[in-house]
């Protein structure tokens, strides 16, 4: 039996498949910044943040604590680095999360925000990410929706999922 992975809840504002506009509530994330190319950053960043949720942390009692895996794993280019983050499960906030043991993993609150999304399957290559990002930006322009040029790649599946069964998204914050 497959284990269910939670995703951050949102309210659907506009739906024109494969495009959506969503309102997300405030979220808490565990994140890391990685230098290097996309593939190296994705692999190293995933290991760092996964280490945190799998127990490389210390709670108020001084003990290690496992945190449930969530989806998606999100990456965003930022000043020649990559920011990779996991959303923490609902009900977990900065006040009740264990502290990361790895100084390269940070916890952060993300305020409520409206996001545009485009969903696609397949491998997340530089070409597919660029193509899907441009499709989403073109759709936003046609719909007169102002956006911040900070696209994020969101991946929902483990690397063992066959490419045509993978769920990927490009998310762009709206103004």
Protein backbone atom coordinates (compact mmCIF):
# COMPACT_ATOMS: atom_id res chain seq x y z
CA UNK A 1 0.00 0.00 0.00
CA UNK A 2 1.40 3.41 -0.99
CA UNK A 3 2.06 5.91 1.74
CA UNK A 4 0.26 9.22 1.38
CA UNK A 5 2.39 12.38 1.37
CA UNK A 6 0.74 15.62 2.44
CA UNK A 7 0.81 18.76 0.31
CA UNK A 8 0.23 22.36 1.39
CA UNK A 9 -3.45 23.23 1.06
CA UNK A 10 -4.55 26.00 -1.28
CA UNK A 11 -7.69 27.59 -2.64
CA UNK A 12 -8.11 27.38 -6.39
CA UNK A 13 -8.77 30.88 -7.77
CA UNK A 14 -8.56 30.23 -11.53
CA UNK A 15 -8.29 26.98 -13.47
CA UNK A 16 -7.41 26.78 -17.17
CA UNK A 17 -5.51 23.46 -17.43
CA UNK A 18 -2.59 23.11 -17.33
CA UNK A 19 -2.56 26.58 -15.67
CA UNK A 20 -3.92 27.52 -12.25
CA UNK A 21 -3.95 30.46 -9.86
CA UNK A 22 -3.87 29.40 -6.20
CA UNK A 23 -4.03 31.09 -2.81
CA UNK A 24 -1.73 29.44 -0.28
CA UNK A 25 -1.86 30.17 3.44
CA UNK A 26 1.26 30.85 5.47
CA UNK A 27 3.74 27.96 5.40
CA UNK A 28 6.79 26.92 7.38
CA UNK A 29 9.69 25.53 5.38
CA UNK A 30 13.02 23.85 6.03
CA UNK A 31 15.47 25.05 3.40
CA UNK A 32 19.07 25.20 2.30
CA UNK A 33 21.10 27.20 -0.19
CA UNK A 34 23.42 25.29 -2.54
CA UNK A 35 25.95 26.52 -5.08
CA UNK A 36 26.54 24.61 -8.29
CA UNK A 37 24.55 23.47 -11.25
CA UNK A 38 20.90 22.45 -11.04
CA UNK A 39 21.47 18.68 -10.75
CA UNK A 40 24.20 18.92 -8.10
CA UNK A 41 22.23 21.49 -6.13
CA UNK A 42 19.09 19.36 -6.28
CA UNK A 43 20.87 16.26 -5.05
CA UNK A 44 22.92 17.93 -2.29
CA UNK A 45 20.05 20.15 -1.19
CA UNK A 46 17.64 17.24 -1.02
CA UNK A 47 20.05 15.22 1.13
CA UNK A 48 20.54 18.14 3.53
CA UNK A 49 16.88 18.88 4.08
CA UNK A 50 15.89 15.20 4.07
CA UNK A 51 18.51 14.66 6.76
CA UNK A 52 16.72 17.28 8.87
CA UNK A 53 13.29 15.65 8.56
CA UNK A 54 14.72 12.14 9.06
CA UNK A 55 16.20 13.12 12.43
CA UNK A 56 19.26 15.36 12.09
CA UNK A 57 17.61 17.77 14.48
CA UNK A 58 17.10 18.41 18.17
CA UNK A 59 13.75 19.05 19.82
CA UNK A 60 13.11 20.91 23.12
CA UNK A 61 13.92 17.71 25.07
CA UNK A 62 17.27 17.44 23.31
CA UNK A 63 16.11 14.43 21.29
CA UNK A 64 16.09 13.68 17.57
CA UNK A 65 12.62 13.80 15.99
CA UNK A 66 11.36 12.47 12.66
CA UNK A 67 9.11 14.76 10.63
CA UNK A 68 6.69 13.49 7.97
CA UNK A 69 7.76 13.90 4.35
CA UNK A 70 5.69 16.35 2.33
CA UNK A 71 5.49 17.30 -1.34
CA UNK A 72 6.55 19.16 -3.32
CA UNK A 73 10.28 19.64 -3.04
CA UNK A 74 10.82 23.13 -4.41
CA UNK A 75 13.86 24.75 -5.99
CA UNK A 76 14.39 28.39 -6.88
CA UNK A 77 17.44 30.06 -8.46
CA UNK A 78 18.75 32.80 -6.20
CA UNK A 79 21.91 34.86 -6.81
CA UNK A 80 23.95 32.09 -8.45
CA UNK A 81 22.71 29.64 -5.83
CA UNK A 82 19.71 27.36 -5.51
CA UNK A 83 17.23 27.52 -2.63
CA UNK A 84 15.71 24.09 -2.01
CA UNK A 85 12.92 23.67 0.51
CA UNK A 86 10.42 21.23 1.96
CA UNK A 87 7.14 22.52 3.38
CA UNK A 88 6.64 21.36 6.94
CA UNK A 89 3.47 19.39 7.73
CA UNK A 90 0.36 21.32 8.74
CA UNK A 91 0.35 22.26 12.41
CA UNK A 92 4.14 22.53 12.58
CA UNK A 93 5.46 26.06 13.03
CA UNK A 94 8.79 27.59 14.01
CA UNK A 95 7.78 27.43 17.69
CA UNK A 96 7.31 23.64 17.76
CA UNK A 97 9.82 22.41 15.17
CA UNK A 98 13.08 20.83 16.29
CA UNK A 99 16.24 22.81 15.53
CA UNK A 100 18.39 21.60 12.63
CA UNK A 101 21.72 20.06 13.61
CA UNK A 102 23.19 21.05 10.22
CA UNK A 103 23.85 24.82 10.20
CA UNK A 104 23.18 24.81 6.44
CA UNK A 105 19.50 23.99 7.05
CA UNK A 106 17.31 26.90 8.06
CA UNK A 107 13.68 27.13 9.13
CA UNK A 108 11.59 30.00 7.77
CA UNK A 109 8.00 31.23 7.72
CA UNK A 110 6.60 31.98 4.25
CA UNK A 111 3.66 34.42 4.32
CA UNK A 112 0.36 33.67 2.60
CA UNK A 113 0.66 34.23 -1.13
CA UNK A 114 -1.09 33.91 -4.47
CA UNK A 115 0.79 31.72 -6.94
CA UNK A 116 0.36 30.84 -10.59
CA UNK A 117 1.17 27.26 -11.58
CA UNK A 118 1.66 25.18 -14.69
CA UNK A 119 1.67 21.39 -14.34
CA UNK A 120 3.75 19.09 -16.52
CA UNK A 121 5.17 15.58 -16.50
CA UNK A 122 8.49 14.16 -17.58
CA UNK A 123 12.06 14.87 -16.58
CA UNK A 124 12.95 18.27 -15.18
CA UNK A 125 15.72 19.24 -17.57
CA UNK A 126 16.96 22.80 -18.04
CA UNK A 127 15.11 22.89 -21.38
CA UNK A 128 11.79 21.61 -19.96
CA UNK A 129 11.97 24.01 -17.00
CA UNK A 130 12.71 26.97 -19.28
CA UNK A 131 9.93 25.97 -21.71
CA UNK A 132 7.29 25.53 -18.99
CA UNK A 133 8.34 28.76 -17.26
CA UNK A 134 7.92 30.67 -20.53
CA UNK A 135 4.51 29.05 -21.15
CA UNK A 136 3.36 30.18 -17.70
CA UNK A 137 4.72 33.71 -18.14
CA UNK A 138 2.99 33.99 -21.53
CA UNK A 139 -0.31 32.81 -19.98
CA UNK A 140 0.07 35.33 -17.15
CA UNK A 141 0.68 38.14 -19.67
CA UNK A 142 -2.37 37.12 -21.75
CA UNK A 143 -4.46 37.23 -18.56
CA UNK A 144 -3.03 40.59 -17.41
CA UNK A 145 -1.72 39.08 -14.18
CA UNK A 146 1.25 40.89 -12.63
CA UNK A 147 3.91 38.54 -11.32
CA UNK A 148 7.28 38.48 -9.63
CA UNK A 149 9.99 36.99 -11.82
CA UNK A 150 10.93 34.34 -9.25
CA UNK A 151 9.90 31.00 -10.77
CA UNK A 152 10.14 27.91 -8.60
CA UNK A 153 10.33 24.31 -9.72
CA UNK A 154 8.10 22.01 -7.66
CA UNK A 155 8.62 18.24 -7.89
CA UNK A 156 6.09 15.90 -6.30
CA UNK A 157 7.51 12.42 -6.93
CA UNK A 158 10.46 10.33 -5.86
CA UNK A 159 13.20 9.77 -8.44
CA UNK A 160 12.02 6.18 -9.02
CA UNK A 161 8.69 7.32 -10.51
CA UNK A 162 8.67 6.81 -14.27
CA UNK A 163 9.09 10.17 -16.05
CA UNK A 164 5.68 10.13 -17.76
CA UNK A 165 4.02 9.57 -14.36
CA UNK A 166 5.82 12.44 -12.63
CA UNK A 167 4.05 15.56 -11.49
CA UNK A 168 6.08 18.72 -11.80
CA UNK A 169 5.05 22.35 -11.63
CA UNK A 170 6.48 25.78 -12.19
CA UNK A 171 5.15 28.18 -9.54
CA UNK A 172 5.39 31.96 -9.89
CA UNK A 173 4.29 34.43 -7.16
CA UNK A 174 1.69 36.98 -8.23
CA UNK A 175 1.63 40.59 -7.10
